[in-house]
Amino acid sequence: LEAEDSDPHVSMAIGGVAVMDGPP
């Protein structure tokens, strides 16, 4: 949280993308 607050241009979110075969 402090790392994010130290810079207004920073977002300390992490993530992942799962790509699936076939129509949604």
PDB file of all heavy atoms in Angstrom:
ATOM      1  N   LEU A   1       0.833  -1.205   0.000  1.00  0.00           N
ATOM      2  CA  LEU A   1       0.000   0.000   0.000  1.00  0.00           C
ATOM      3  C   LEU A   1       0.866   1.252   0.000  1.00  0.00           C
ATOM      4  O   LEU A   1       0.586   2.224  -0.704  1.00  0.00           O
ATOM      5  CB  LEU A   1      -0.915   0.004   1.224  1.00  0.00           C
ATOM      6  CG  LEU A   1      -1.985  -1.094   1.306  1.00  0.00           C
ATOM      7  CD1 LEU A   1      -2.661  -1.051   2.669  1.00  0.00           C
ATOM      8  CD2 LEU A   1      -3.001  -0.942   0.182  1.00  0.00           C
ATOM      9  N   GLU A   2       1.937   1.220   0.813  1.00  0.00           N
ATOM     10  CA  GLU A   2       2.845   2.370   0.869  1.00  0.00           C
ATOM     11  C   GLU A   2       3.540   2.583  -0.473  1.00  0.00           C
ATOM     12  O   GLU A   2       3.740   3.729  -0.909  1.00  0.00           O
ATOM     13  CB  GLU A   2       3.882   2.168   1.980  1.00  0.00           C
ATOM     14  CG  GLU A   2       3.294   2.065   3.380  1.00  0.00           C
ATOM     15  CD  GLU A   2       2.673   3.362   3.848  1.00  0.00           C
ATOM     16  OE1 GLU A   2       2.846   4.401   3.190  1.00  0.00           O
ATOM     17  OE2 GLU A   2       1.981   3.336   4.895  1.00  0.00           O
ATOM     18  N   ALA A   3       3.922   1.492  -1.118  1.00  0.00           N
ATOM     19  CA  ALA A   3       4.573   1.616  -2.428  1.00  0.00           C
ATOM     20  C   ALA A   3       3.631   2.268  -3.435  1.00  0.00           C
ATOM     21  O   ALA A   3       4.058   3.079  -4.269  1.00  0.00           O
ATOM     22  CB  ALA A   3       5.019   0.245  -2.917  1.00  0.00           C
ATOM     23  N   GLU A   4       2.358   1.935  -3.361  1.00  0.00           N
ATOM     24  CA  GLU A   4       1.382   2.563  -4.261  1.00  0.00           C
ATOM     25  C   GLU A   4       1.177   4.027  -3.917  1.00  0.00           C
ATOM     26  O   GLU A   4       1.085   4.882  -4.803  1.00  0.00           O
ATOM     27  CB  GLU A   4       0.064   1.809  -4.175  1.00  0.00           C
ATOM     28  CG  GLU A   4      -0.982   2.276  -5.172  1.00  0.00           C
ATOM     29  CD  GLU A   4      -2.213   1.389  -5.170  1.00  0.00           C
ATOM     30  OE1 GLU A   4      -3.034   1.516  -4.235  1.00  0.00           O
ATOM     31  OE2 GLU A   4      -2.358   0.558  -6.092  1.00  0.00           O
ATOM     32  N   ASP A   5       1.106   4.330  -2.619  1.00  0.00           N
ATOM     33  CA  ASP A   5       0.883   5.710  -2.198  1.00  0.00           C
ATOM     34  C   ASP A   5       2.078   6.614  -2.488  1.00  0.00           C
ATOM     35  O   ASP A   5       1.936   7.836  -2.528  1.00  0.00           O
ATOM     36  CB  ASP A   5       0.583   5.757  -0.694  1.00  0.00           C
ATOM     37  CG  ASP A   5      -0.780   5.163  -0.361  1.00  0.00           C
ATOM     38  OD1 ASP A   5      -1.617   5.061  -1.279  1.00  0.00           O
ATOM     39  OD2 ASP A   5      -0.991   4.788   0.810  1.00  0.00           O
ATOM     40  N   SER A   6       3.247   6.007  -2.681  1.00  0.00           N
ATOM     41  CA  SER A   6       4.457   6.820  -2.892  1.00  0.00           C
ATOM     42  C   SER A   6       4.516   7.452  -4.272  1.00  0.00           C
ATOM     43  O   SER A   6       5.316   8.354  -4.513  1.00  0.00           O
ATOM     44  CB  SER A   6       5.708   5.962  -2.676  1.00  0.00           C
ATOM     45  OG  SER A   6       5.844   4.990  -3.717  1.00  0.00           O
ATOM     46  N   ASP A   7       3.675   6.984  -5.203  1.00  0.00           N
ATOM     47  CA  ASP A   7       3.738   7.473  -6.578  1.00  0.00           C
ATOM     48  C   ASP A   7       2.321   7.479  -7.153  1.00  0.00           C
ATOM     49  O   ASP A   7       1.690   6.424  -7.272  1.00  0.00           O
ATOM     50  CB  ASP A   7       4.643   6.570  -7.419  1.00  0.00           C
ATOM     51  CG  ASP A   7       4.918   7.126  -8.809  1.00  0.00           C
ATOM     52  OD1 ASP A   7       4.101   7.931  -9.301  1.00  0.00           O
ATOM     53  OD2 ASP A   7       5.932   6.742  -9.416  1.00  0.00           O
ATOM     54  N   PRO A   8       1.790   8.641  -7.519  1.00  0.00           N
ATOM     55  CA  PRO A   8       0.407   8.696  -8.041  1.00  0.00           C
ATOM     56  C   PRO A   8       0.226   7.966  -9.355  1.00  0.00           C
ATOM     57  O   PRO A   8      -0.904   7.717  -9.768  1.00  0.00           O
ATOM     58  CB  PRO A   8       0.159  10.208  -8.199  1.00  0.00           C
ATOM     59  CG  PRO A   8       1.520  10.815  -8.332  1.00  0.00           C
ATOM     60  CD  PRO A   8       2.416   9.980  -7.476  1.00  0.00           C
ATOM     61  N   HIS A   9       1.329   7.616 -10.036  1.00  0.00           N
ATOM     62  CA  HIS A   9       1.233   6.924 -11.315  1.00  0.00           C
ATOM     63  C   HIS A   9       1.310   5.408 -11.182  1.00  0.00           C
ATOM     64  O   HIS A   9       1.339   4.699 -12.192  1.00  0.00           O
ATOM     65  CB  HIS A   9       2.353   7.406 -12.253  1.00  0.00           C
ATOM     66  CG  HIS A   9       2.247   8.844 -12.613  1.00  0.00           C
ATOM     67  ND1 HIS A   9       3.349   9.640 -12.876  1.00  0.00           N
ATOM     68  CD2 HIS A   9       1.172   9.658 -12.740  1.00  0.00           C
ATOM     69  CE1 HIS A   9       2.948  10.871 -13.156  1.00  0.00           C
ATOM     70  NE2 HIS A   9       1.635  10.905 -13.083  1.00  0.00           N
ATOM     71  N   VAL A  10       1.374   4.910  -9.952  1.00  0.00           N
ATOM     72  CA  VAL A  10       1.599   3.490  -9.719  1.00  0.00           C
ATOM     73  C   VAL A  10       0.323   2.798  -9.277  1.00  0.00           C
ATOM     74  O   VAL A  10      -0.435   3.331  -8.472  1.00  0.00           O
ATOM     75  CB  VAL A  10       2.711   3.290  -8.655  1.00  0.00           C
ATOM     76  CG1 VAL A  10       2.665   1.892  -8.064  1.00  0.00           C
ATOM     77  CG2 VAL A  10       4.076   3.565  -9.272  1.00  0.00           C
ATOM     78  N   SER A  11       0.086   1.604  -9.821  1.00  0.00           N
ATOM     79  CA  SER A  11      -0.952   0.703  -9.331  1.00  0.00           C
ATOM     80  C   SER A  11      -0.281  -0.592  -8.903  1.00  0.00           C
ATOM     81  O   SER A  11       0.405  -1.227  -9.711  1.00  0.00           O
ATOM     82  CB  SER A  11      -1.985   0.410 -10.422  1.00  0.00           C
ATOM     83  OG  SER A  11      -2.824  -0.668 -10.045  1.00  0.00           O
ATOM     84  N   MET A  12      -0.467  -0.979  -7.639  1.00  0.00           N
ATOM     85  CA  MET A  12       0.184  -2.183  -7.137  1.00  0.00           C
ATOM     86  C   MET A  12      -0.729  -3.399  -7.247  1.00  0.00           C
ATOM     87  O   MET A  12      -0.803  -4.227  -6.350  1.00  0.00           O
ATOM     88  CB  MET A  12       0.624  -1.975  -5.690  1.00  0.00           C
ATOM     89  CG  MET A  12       1.882  -1.151  -5.526  1.00  0.00           C
ATOM     90  SD  MET A  12       3.314  -1.834  -6.410  1.00  0.00           S
ATOM     91  CE  MET A  12       3.513  -3.399  -5.586  1.00  0.00           C
ATOM     92  N   ALA A  13      -1.415  -3.506  -8.371  1.00  0.00           N
ATOM     93  CA  ALA A  13      -2.223  -4.694  -8.645  1.00  0.00           C
ATOM     94  C   ALA A  13      -1.386  -5.690  -9.434  1.00  0.00           C
ATOM     95  O   ALA A  13      -0.538  -5.302 -10.252  1.00  0.00           O
ATOM     96  CB  ALA A  13      -3.477  -4.328  -9.424  1.00  0.00           C
ATOM     97  N   ILE A  14      -1.609  -6.976  -9.168  1.00  0.00           N
ATOM     98  CA  ILE A  14      -1.021  -8.030  -9.975  1.00  0.00           C
ATOM     99  C   ILE A  14      -2.169  -8.813 -10.589  1.00  0.00           C
ATOM    100  O   ILE A  14      -3.329  -8.650 -10.220  1.00  0.00           O
ATOM    101  CB  ILE A  14      -0.111  -8.950  -9.142  1.00  0.00           C
ATOM    102  CG1 ILE A  14      -0.907  -9.631  -8.016  1.00  0.00           C
ATOM    103  CG2 ILE A  14       1.043  -8.163  -8.571  1.00  0.00           C
ATOM    104  CD1 ILE A  14      -0.077 -10.615  -7.208  1.00  0.00           C
ATOM    105  N   GLY A  15      -1.862  -9.670 -11.556  1.00  0.00           N
ATOM    106  CA  GLY A  15      -2.964 -10.363 -12.195  1.00  0.00           C
ATOM    107  C   GLY A  15      -2.534 -11.513 -13.063  1.00  0.00           C
ATOM    108  O   GLY A  15      -1.360 -11.871 -13.154  1.00  0.00           O
ATOM    109  N   GLY A  16      -3.519 -12.121 -13.690  1.00  0.00           N
ATOM    110  CA  GLY A  16      -3.290 -13.210 -14.626  1.00  0.00           C
ATOM    111  C   GLY A  16      -4.435 -13.280 -15.615  1.00  0.00           C
ATOM    112  O   GLY A  16      -5.569 -12.887 -15.314  1.00  0.00           O
ATOM    113  N   VAL A  17      -4.131 -13.771 -16.810  1.00  0.00           N
ATOM    114  CA  VAL A  17      -5.121 -13.896 -17.872  1.00  0.00           C
ATOM    115  C   VAL A  17      -5.216 -15.362 -18.282  1.00  0.00           C
ATOM    116  O   VAL A  17      -4.201 -15.984 -18.607  1.00  0.00           O
ATOM    117  CB  VAL A  17      -4.749 -13.042 -19.100  1.00  0.00           C
ATOM    118  CG1 VAL A  17      -5.818 -13.178 -20.193  1.00  0.00           C
ATOM    119  CG2 VAL A  17      -4.565 -11.586 -18.723  1.00  0.00           C
ATOM    120  N   ALA A  18      -6.418 -15.898 -18.252  1.00  0.00           N
ATOM    121  CA  ALA A  18      -6.677 -17.251 -18.745  1.00  0.00           C
ATOM    122  C   ALA A  18      -7.439 -17.129 -20.054  1.00  0.00           C
ATOM    123  O   ALA A  18      -8.516 -16.525 -20.094  1.00  0.00           O
ATOM    124  CB  ALA A  18      -7.485 -18.052 -17.726  1.00  0.00           C
ATOM    125  N   VAL A  19      -6.875 -17.684 -21.137  1.00  0.00           N
ATOM    126  CA  VAL A  19      -7.511 -17.648 -22.457  1.00  0.00           C
ATOM    127  C   VAL A  19      -8.151 -19.002 -22.729  1.00  0.00           C
ATOM    128  O   VAL A  19      -7.495 -20.046 -22.633  1.00  0.00           O
ATOM    129  CB  VAL A  19      -6.484 -17.312 -23.556  1.00  0.00           C
ATOM    130  CG1 VAL A  19      -7.158 -17.319 -24.939  1.00  0.00           C
ATOM    131  CG2 VAL A  19      -5.841 -15.956 -23.286  1.00  0.00           C
ATOM    132  N   MET A  20      -9.452 -18.979 -23.048  1.00  0.00           N
ATOM    133  CA  MET A  20     -10.219 -20.206 -23.261  1.00  0.00           C
ATOM    134  C   MET A  20     -10.547 -20.427 -24.730  1.00  0.00           C
ATOM    135  O   MET A  20     -10.805 -19.473 -25.469  1.00  0.00           O
ATOM    136  CB  MET A  20     -11.523 -20.158 -22.457  1.00  0.00           C
ATOM    137  CG  MET A  20     -11.406 -20.708 -21.058  1.00  0.00           C
ATOM    138  SD  MET A  20     -10.382 -19.695 -19.962  1.00  0.00           S
ATOM    139  CE  MET A  20     -11.371 -18.216 -19.809  1.00  0.00           C
ATOM    140  N   ASP A  21     -10.575 -21.684 -25.123  1.00  0.00           N
ATOM    141  CA  ASP A  21     -10.944 -22.067 -26.475  1.00  0.00           C
ATOM    142  C   ASP A  21     -12.467 -22.101 -26.594  1.00  0.00           C
ATOM    143  O   ASP A  21     -13.156 -22.532 -25.665  1.00  0.00           O
ATOM    144  CB  ASP A  21     -10.380 -23.458 -26.789  1.00  0.00           C
ATOM    145  CG  ASP A  21      -9.891 -23.568 -28.220  1.00  0.00           C
ATOM    146  OD1 ASP A  21     -10.072 -22.599 -28.975  1.00  0.00           O
ATOM    147  OD2 ASP A  21      -9.326 -24.620 -28.564  1.00  0.00           O
ATOM    148  N   GLY A  22     -12.970 -21.641 -27.740  1.00  0.00           N
ATOM    149  CA  GLY A  22     -14.412 -21.675 -27.973  1.00  0.00           C
ATOM    150  C   GLY A  22     -15.069 -20.341 -27.711  1.00  0.00           C
ATOM    151  O   GLY A  22     -14.481 -19.440 -27.101  1.00  0.00           O
ATOM    152  N   PRO A  23     -16.315 -20.193 -28.135  1.00  0.00           N
ATOM    153  CA  PRO A  23     -17.033 -18.919 -27.958  1.00  0.00           C
ATOM    154  C   PRO A  23     -17.349 -18.682 -26.486  1.00  0.00           C
ATOM    155  O   PRO A  23     -17.502 -19.625 -25.704  1.00  0.00           O
ATOM    156  CB  PRO A  23     -18.307 -19.113 -28.778  1.00  0.00           C
ATOM    157  CG  PRO A  23     -18.519 -20.595 -28.790  1.00  0.00           C
ATOM    158  CD  PRO A  23     -17.144 -21.206 -28.814  1.00  0.00           C
ATOM    159  N   PRO A  24     -17.461 -17.417 -26.071  1.00  0.00           N
ATOM    160  CA  PRO A  24     -17.748 -17.125 -24.657  1.00  0.00           C
ATOM    161  C   PRO A  24     -19.171 -17.521 -24.294  1.00  0.00           C
ATOM    162  O   PRO A  24     -20.098 -17.378 -25.099  1.00  0.00           O
ATOM    163  CB  PRO A  24     -17.553 -15.607 -24.574  1.00  0.00           C
ATOM    164  CG  PRO A  24     -17.799 -15.111 -25.954  1.00  0.00           C
ATOM    165  CD  PRO A  24     -17.303 -16.193 -26.868  1.00  0.00           C
TER     166      PRO A  24
END
